[in-house]
């Protein structure tokens, strides 16, 4: 049940974080002025960390949910652990290369 709720909460959070990332990029180019904290947000490591983490696990848990919905996989716990370990592995690789 955790992956189902994770997808439901991480989707809107991803939209907000990606929107902030895009706005901060526009702010760095000078197209948006007047918000002093916005340019510094573009280079914020915490925002990048959250974006990578949420994106990877949202994608893997979404794939898990899709496979279960179409009936390809019946073993939910096994698929949960496979998705989790693949997500952790990909996140570690992403963290090493991006940070």
C-alpha atoms as a PDB file:
ATOM      1  CA  UNK A   1       0.000   0.000   0.000  1.00  0.00           C
ATOM      2  CA  UNK A   2       2.979   2.302   0.570  1.00  0.00           C
ATOM      3  CA  UNK A   3       3.907   2.546  -3.151  1.00  0.00           C
ATOM      4  CA  UNK A   4       0.337   3.448  -4.054  1.00  0.00           C
ATOM      5  CA  UNK A   5       0.256   6.353  -1.606  1.00  0.00           C
ATOM      6  CA  UNK A   6       3.810   7.352  -2.483  1.00  0.00           C
ATOM      7  CA  UNK A   7       2.806   7.787  -6.128  1.00  0.00           C
ATOM      8  CA  UNK A   8      -0.260   9.817  -5.170  1.00  0.00           C
ATOM      9  CA  UNK A   9       1.751  12.255  -3.035  1.00  0.00           C
ATOM     10  CA  UNK A  10       4.959  12.379  -5.079  1.00  0.00           C
ATOM     11  CA  UNK A  11       3.199  13.297  -8.341  1.00  0.00           C
ATOM     12  CA  UNK A  12       1.934  16.715  -7.222  1.00  0.00           C
ATOM     13  CA  UNK A  13       5.167  17.317  -5.299  1.00  0.00           C
ATOM     14  CA  UNK A  14       7.153  16.599  -8.462  1.00  0.00           C
ATOM     15  CA  UNK A  15       5.033  19.097 -10.378  1.00  0.00           C
ATOM     16  CA  UNK A  16       5.738  21.758  -7.764  1.00  0.00           C
ATOM     17  CA  UNK A  17       9.480  21.044  -7.610  1.00  0.00           C
ATOM     18  CA  UNK A  18       9.907  20.929 -11.394  1.00  0.00           C
ATOM     19  CA  UNK A  19       7.948  24.174 -11.655  1.00  0.00           C
ATOM     20  CA  UNK A  20      10.233  25.806  -9.103  1.00  0.00           C
ATOM     21  CA  UNK A  21      13.275  24.515 -10.976  1.00  0.00           C
ATOM     22  CA  UNK A  22      12.000  25.997 -14.256  1.00  0.00           C
ATOM     23  CA  UNK A  23      11.092  29.327 -12.634  1.00  0.00           C
ATOM     24  CA  UNK A  24      14.489  29.541 -10.970  1.00  0.00           C
ATOM     25  CA  UNK A  25      16.158  28.901 -14.321  1.00  0.00           C
ATOM     26  CA  UNK A  26      14.194  31.759 -15.868  1.00  0.00           C
ATOM     27  CA  UNK A  27      15.178  33.887 -12.905  1.00  0.00           C
ATOM     28  CA  UNK A  28      18.859  33.163 -13.523  1.00  0.00           C
ATOM     29  CA  UNK A  29      18.573  34.314 -17.131  1.00  0.00           C
ATOM     30  CA  UNK A  30      16.966  37.568 -16.011  1.00  0.00           C
ATOM     31  CA  UNK A  31      13.538  36.948 -17.490  1.00  0.00           C
ATOM     32  CA  UNK A  32      11.963  37.025 -14.022  1.00  0.00           C
ATOM     33  CA  UNK A  33      13.037  39.738 -11.608  1.00  0.00           C
ATOM     34  CA  UNK A  34      11.949  40.889  -8.211  1.00  0.00           C
ATOM     35  CA  UNK A  35      12.071  37.587  -6.294  1.00  0.00           C
ATOM     36  CA  UNK A  36      15.418  37.554  -4.543  1.00  0.00           C
ATOM     37  CA  UNK A  37      15.437  33.948  -3.317  1.00  0.00           C
ATOM     38  CA  UNK A  38      14.501  32.388  -6.668  1.00  0.00           C
ATOM     39  CA  UNK A  39      17.920  32.420  -8.431  1.00  0.00           C
ATOM     40  CA  UNK A  40      19.579  30.727  -5.469  1.00  0.00           C
ATOM     41  CA  UNK A  41      17.023  27.951  -5.600  1.00  0.00           C
ATOM     42  CA  UNK A  42      18.282  26.784  -8.985  1.00  0.00           C
ATOM     43  CA  UNK A  43      21.609  25.689  -7.550  1.00  0.00           C
ATOM     44  CA  UNK A  44      20.157  24.256  -4.347  1.00  0.00           C
ATOM     45  CA  UNK A  45      21.422  20.693  -3.783  1.00  0.00           C
ATOM     46  CA  UNK A  46      18.430  19.772  -1.615  1.00  0.00           C
ATOM     47  CA  UNK A  47      16.022  20.541  -4.442  1.00  0.00           C
ATOM     48  CA  UNK A  48      18.094  18.454  -6.868  1.00  0.00           C
ATOM     49  CA  UNK A  49      18.308  15.628  -4.327  1.00  0.00           C
ATOM     50  CA  UNK A  50      14.522  15.612  -3.860  1.00  0.00           C
ATOM     51  CA  UNK A  51      13.866  15.799  -7.593  1.00  0.00           C
ATOM     52  CA  UNK A  52      16.075  12.810  -8.356  1.00  0.00           C
ATOM     53  CA  UNK A  53      14.741  10.795  -5.423  1.00  0.00           C
ATOM     54  CA  UNK A  54      11.079  11.462  -6.164  1.00  0.00           C
ATOM     55  CA  UNK A  55      11.450  10.989  -9.910  1.00  0.00           C
ATOM     56  CA  UNK A  56      13.171   7.606  -9.647  1.00  0.00           C
ATOM     57  CA  UNK A  57      10.849   6.115  -7.049  1.00  0.00           C
ATOM     58  CA  UNK A  58       7.741   7.601  -8.663  1.00  0.00           C
ATOM     59  CA  UNK A  59       8.764   5.974 -11.952  1.00  0.00           C
ATOM     60  CA  UNK A  60       9.566   2.552 -10.467  1.00  0.00           C
ATOM     61  CA  UNK A  61       6.499   2.387  -8.256  1.00  0.00           C
ATOM     62  CA  UNK A  62       4.374   3.587 -11.168  1.00  0.00           C
ATOM     63  CA  UNK A  63       5.787   0.813 -13.354  1.00  0.00           C
ATOM     64  CA  UNK A  64       5.066  -1.646 -10.555  1.00  0.00           C
ATOM     65  CA  UNK A  65       1.486  -0.451 -10.308  1.00  0.00           C
ATOM     66  CA  UNK A  66       1.083  -0.631 -14.091  1.00  0.00           C
ATOM     67  CA  UNK A  67       2.386  -4.219 -14.222  1.00  0.00           C
ATOM     68  CA  UNK A  68       0.019  -5.250 -11.460  1.00  0.00           C
ATOM     69  CA  UNK A  69      -2.969  -3.521 -13.091  1.00  0.00           C
ATOM     70  CA  UNK A  70      -2.526  -5.242 -16.434  1.00  0.00           C
ATOM     71  CA  UNK A  71      -2.073  -8.592 -14.687  1.00  0.00           C
ATOM     72  CA  UNK A  72       1.510  -9.354 -15.635  1.00  0.00           C
ATOM     73  CA  UNK A  73       2.684  -9.663 -12.054  1.00  0.00           C
ATOM     74  CA  UNK A  74       0.721 -11.190  -9.214  1.00  0.00           C
ATOM     75  CA  UNK A  75       3.429 -11.218  -6.554  1.00  0.00           C
ATOM     76  CA  UNK A  76       3.088  -7.725  -5.144  1.00  0.00           C
ATOM     77  CA  UNK A  77       5.688  -8.019  -2.385  1.00  0.00           C
ATOM     78  CA  UNK A  78       8.357  -9.354  -4.733  1.00  0.00           C
ATOM     79  CA  UNK A  79       7.676  -6.597  -7.230  1.00  0.00           C
ATOM     80  CA  UNK A  80       7.767  -4.013  -4.416  1.00  0.00           C
ATOM     81  CA  UNK A  81      11.208  -5.155  -3.292  1.00  0.00           C
ATOM     82  CA  UNK A  82      12.531  -5.362  -6.844  1.00  0.00           C
ATOM     83  CA  UNK A  83      11.276  -1.827  -7.523  1.00  0.00           C
ATOM     84  CA  UNK A  84      12.749  -0.573  -4.255  1.00  0.00           C
ATOM     85  CA  UNK A  85      16.184  -2.127  -4.806  1.00  0.00           C
ATOM     86  CA  UNK A  86      16.338  -0.939  -8.421  1.00  0.00           C
ATOM     87  CA  UNK A  87      15.284   2.523  -7.275  1.00  0.00           C
ATOM     88  CA  UNK A  88      17.914   2.635  -4.541  1.00  0.00           C
ATOM     89  CA  UNK A  89      20.599   1.431  -6.961  1.00  0.00           C
ATOM     90  CA  UNK A  90      19.676   3.965  -9.613  1.00  0.00           C
ATOM     91  CA  UNK A  91      19.421   6.716  -7.011  1.00  0.00           C
ATOM     92  CA  UNK A  92      22.913   5.936  -5.684  1.00  0.00           C
ATOM     93  CA  UNK A  93      24.288   6.047  -9.237  1.00  0.00           C
ATOM     94  CA  UNK A  94      22.479   9.322  -9.887  1.00  0.00           C
ATOM     95  CA  UNK A  95      23.714  10.797  -6.644  1.00  0.00           C
ATOM     96  CA  UNK A  96      27.313   9.823  -7.377  1.00  0.00           C
ATOM     97  CA  UNK A  97      27.263  11.261 -10.901  1.00  0.00           C
ATOM     98  CA  UNK A  98      25.252  14.430 -10.215  1.00  0.00           C
ATOM     99  CA  UNK A  99      26.696  15.409  -6.862  1.00  0.00           C
END
